[in-house]
Amino acid sequence: KALSRSSEQLEAAAKELGVTPLMAFFSMSAEELDASVEEFGISEEAAAKMAPEQWFDPDEGLRTVRALLPAFATDAKVRADLLEFVSVFEEAAKRGLRFHLAVDY
């Protein structure tokens, strides 16, 4: 949730640092998209314009998160969330897995 509250600052920092912003790693399956249309009232037209589900290399996520960590050194909650991503991305890389981010409401 700390990352969600700091999304604009994270996006700006990523752009300044020349790394992929975290939300660029967001994707959802067709089933998740259908549920969002129903649950959150997203229009069918807007849903149709969304990109199909994508999966990313965890090394890309690691590059972004490691670059962002120093920029949020004084924000303990954001830093803790970013460090959790480091652990997850490192494990995914070890296992040869890909990832995408989802929004948890």
C-alpha atoms as a PDB file:
ATOM      1  CA  LYS A   1       0.000   0.000   0.000  1.00  0.00           C
ATOM      2  CA  ALA A   2       2.916   2.327   0.595  1.00  0.00           C
ATOM      3  CA  LEU A   3       3.903   1.912  -3.038  1.00  0.00           C
ATOM      4  CA  SER A   4       0.385   2.762  -4.136  1.00  0.00           C
ATOM      5  CA  ARG A   5       0.358   5.939  -2.056  1.00  0.00           C
ATOM      6  CA  SER A   6       3.745   6.915  -3.495  1.00  0.00           C
ATOM      7  CA  SER A   7       3.035   5.919  -7.100  1.00  0.00           C
ATOM      8  CA  GLU A   8       3.549   9.396  -8.551  1.00  0.00           C
ATOM      9  CA  GLN A   9       6.878   9.858  -6.745  1.00  0.00           C
ATOM     10  CA  LEU A  10       8.002   6.363  -7.764  1.00  0.00           C
ATOM     11  CA  GLU A  11       7.107   7.054 -11.391  1.00  0.00           C
ATOM     12  CA  ALA A  12       8.966  10.370 -11.389  1.00  0.00           C
ATOM     13  CA  ALA A  13      12.023   8.839  -9.714  1.00  0.00           C
ATOM     14  CA  ALA A  14      12.110   5.946 -12.188  1.00  0.00           C
ATOM     15  CA  LYS A  15      11.976   8.325 -15.134  1.00  0.00           C
ATOM     16  CA  GLU A  16      14.697  10.499 -13.618  1.00  0.00           C
ATOM     17  CA  LEU A  17      16.857   7.415 -13.000  1.00  0.00           C
ATOM     18  CA  GLY A  18      16.267   6.058 -16.498  1.00  0.00           C
ATOM     19  CA  VAL A  19      14.635   2.796 -15.410  1.00  0.00           C
ATOM     20  CA  THR A  20      11.273   1.261 -16.200  1.00  0.00           C
ATOM     21  CA  PRO A  21       8.557   2.613 -13.882  1.00  0.00           C
ATOM     22  CA  LEU A  22       6.977  -0.046 -11.669  1.00  0.00           C
ATOM     23  CA  MET A  23       3.506   0.387 -13.156  1.00  0.00           C
ATOM     24  CA  ALA A  24       4.912  -0.478 -16.594  1.00  0.00           C
ATOM     25  CA  PHE A  25       5.116  -4.016 -15.188  1.00  0.00           C
ATOM     26  CA  PHE A  26       1.366  -4.052 -14.483  1.00  0.00           C
ATOM     27  CA  SER A  27      -0.717  -6.548 -16.406  1.00  0.00           C
ATOM     28  CA  MET A  28      -3.792  -8.679 -15.874  1.00  0.00           C
ATOM     29  CA  SER A  29      -5.272 -11.798 -17.379  1.00  0.00           C
ATOM     30  CA  ALA A  30      -8.484 -11.736 -19.380  1.00  0.00           C
ATOM     31  CA  GLU A  31     -10.287 -13.223 -16.370  1.00  0.00           C
ATOM     32  CA  GLU A  32      -8.974 -10.500 -14.053  1.00  0.00           C
ATOM     33  CA  LEU A  33      -9.950  -7.860 -16.588  1.00  0.00           C
ATOM     34  CA  ASP A  34     -13.477  -9.278 -16.835  1.00  0.00           C
ATOM     35  CA  ALA A  35     -13.773  -9.225 -13.038  1.00  0.00           C
ATOM     36  CA  SER A  36     -12.548  -5.610 -12.952  1.00  0.00           C
ATOM     37  CA  VAL A  37     -15.137  -4.602 -15.538  1.00  0.00           C
ATOM     38  CA  GLU A  38     -17.845  -6.011 -13.291  1.00  0.00           C
ATOM     39  CA  GLU A  39     -16.431  -5.017  -9.906  1.00  0.00           C
ATOM     40  CA  PHE A  40     -15.140  -1.521 -10.669  1.00  0.00           C
ATOM     41  CA  GLY A  41     -17.427  -0.516 -13.505  1.00  0.00           C
ATOM     42  CA  ILE A  42     -14.699  -0.243 -16.126  1.00  0.00           C
ATOM     43  CA  SER A  43     -16.361   0.266 -19.479  1.00  0.00           C
ATOM     44  CA  GLU A  44     -16.181  -2.488 -22.071  1.00  0.00           C
ATOM     45  CA  GLU A  45     -14.569   0.014 -24.457  1.00  0.00           C
ATOM     46  CA  ALA A  46     -11.802   0.859 -21.982  1.00  0.00           C
ATOM     47  CA  ALA A  47     -11.247  -2.818 -21.227  1.00  0.00           C
ATOM     48  CA  ALA A  48     -10.971  -3.612 -24.936  1.00  0.00           C
ATOM     49  CA  LYS A  49      -8.163  -1.041 -25.268  1.00  0.00           C
ATOM     50  CA  MET A  50      -6.051  -2.625 -22.518  1.00  0.00           C
ATOM     51  CA  ALA A  51      -3.016  -4.601 -23.620  1.00  0.00           C
ATOM     52  CA  PRO A  52      -3.194  -8.377 -23.378  1.00  0.00           C
ATOM     53  CA  GLU A  53      -1.585 -10.037 -20.369  1.00  0.00           C
ATOM     54  CA  GLN A  54       2.199  -9.609 -20.362  1.00  0.00           C
ATOM     55  CA  TRP A  55       4.967 -11.253 -18.354  1.00  0.00           C
ATOM     56  CA  PHE A  56       8.339  -9.674 -17.599  1.00  0.00           C
ATOM     57  CA  ASP A  57      11.882 -10.760 -16.829  1.00  0.00           C
ATOM     58  CA  PRO A  58      12.582 -10.421 -13.090  1.00  0.00           C
ATOM     59  CA  ASP A  59      15.979  -8.891 -13.888  1.00  0.00           C
ATOM     60  CA  GLU A  60      14.105  -5.891 -15.342  1.00  0.00           C
ATOM     61  CA  GLY A  61      12.149  -5.557 -12.102  1.00  0.00           C
ATOM     62  CA  LEU A  62      15.338  -5.862 -10.056  1.00  0.00           C
ATOM     63  CA  ARG A  63      17.017  -3.132 -12.084  1.00  0.00           C
ATOM     64  CA  THR A  64      14.108  -0.770 -11.381  1.00  0.00           C
ATOM     65  CA  VAL A  65      13.760  -1.581  -7.698  1.00  0.00           C
ATOM     66  CA  ARG A  66      17.484  -1.407  -6.974  1.00  0.00           C
ATOM     67  CA  ALA A  67      17.661   1.975  -8.683  1.00  0.00           C
ATOM     68  CA  LEU A  68      14.691   3.262  -6.657  1.00  0.00           C
ATOM     69  CA  LEU A  69      15.923   2.120  -3.241  1.00  0.00           C
ATOM     70  CA  PRO A  70      18.406   4.968  -2.654  1.00  0.00           C
ATOM     71  CA  ALA A  71      15.800   7.530  -3.737  1.00  0.00           C
ATOM     72  CA  PHE A  72      13.460   6.312  -0.968  1.00  0.00           C
ATOM     73  CA  ALA A  73      16.057   5.726   1.726  1.00  0.00           C
ATOM     74  CA  THR A  74      14.164   7.876   4.249  1.00  0.00           C
ATOM     75  CA  ASP A  75      10.710   6.405   3.572  1.00  0.00           C
ATOM     76  CA  ALA A  76      10.686   3.227   5.672  1.00  0.00           C
ATOM     77  CA  LYS A  77       7.384   1.882   4.339  1.00  0.00           C
ATOM     78  CA  VAL A  78       8.217   2.340   0.656  1.00  0.00           C
ATOM     79  CA  ARG A  79      11.715   1.001   1.259  1.00  0.00           C
ATOM     80  CA  ALA A  80      10.311  -2.095   2.989  1.00  0.00           C
ATOM     81  CA  ASP A  81       7.976  -2.757   0.051  1.00  0.00           C
ATOM     82  CA  LEU A  82      10.798  -2.293  -2.449  1.00  0.00           C
ATOM     83  CA  LEU A  83      12.998  -4.698  -0.475  1.00  0.00           C
ATOM     84  CA  GLU A  84      10.210  -7.282  -0.604  1.00  0.00           C
ATOM     85  CA  PHE A  85      10.212  -6.920  -4.379  1.00  0.00           C
ATOM     86  CA  VAL A  86      13.965  -7.534  -4.399  1.00  0.00           C
ATOM     87  CA  SER A  87      13.447 -10.835  -2.577  1.00  0.00           C
ATOM     88  CA  VAL A  88      10.602 -11.926  -4.856  1.00  0.00           C
ATOM     89  CA  PHE A  89      12.394 -10.927  -8.064  1.00  0.00           C
ATOM     90  CA  GLU A  90      15.621 -12.637  -6.986  1.00  0.00           C
ATOM     91  CA  GLU A  91      13.717 -15.848  -6.258  1.00  0.00           C
ATOM     92  CA  ALA A  92      11.831 -15.624  -9.554  1.00  0.00           C
ATOM     93  CA  ALA A  93      15.119 -15.148 -11.416  1.00  0.00           C
ATOM     94  CA  LYS A  94      16.641 -18.188  -9.678  1.00  0.00           C
ATOM     95  CA  ARG A  95      13.649 -20.301 -10.698  1.00  0.00           C
ATOM     96  CA  GLY A  96      13.477 -18.981 -14.244  1.00  0.00           C
ATOM     97  CA  LEU A  97      10.044 -17.448 -13.689  1.00  0.00           C
ATOM     98  CA  ARG A  98       8.547 -14.322 -15.191  1.00  0.00           C
ATOM     99  CA  PHE A  99       6.277 -11.840 -13.404  1.00  0.00           C
ATOM    100  CA  HIS A 100       3.791  -9.045 -13.721  1.00  0.00           C
ATOM    101  CA  LEU A 101       2.376  -6.708 -11.132  1.00  0.00           C
ATOM    102  CA  ALA A 102      -1.258  -6.524 -10.182  1.00  0.00           C
ATOM    103  CA  VAL A 103      -3.133  -3.953  -8.164  1.00  0.00           C
ATOM    104  CA  ASP A 104      -4.546  -5.180  -4.879  1.00  0.00           C
ATOM    105  CA  TYR A 105      -7.568  -3.220  -3.722  1.00  0.00           C
END
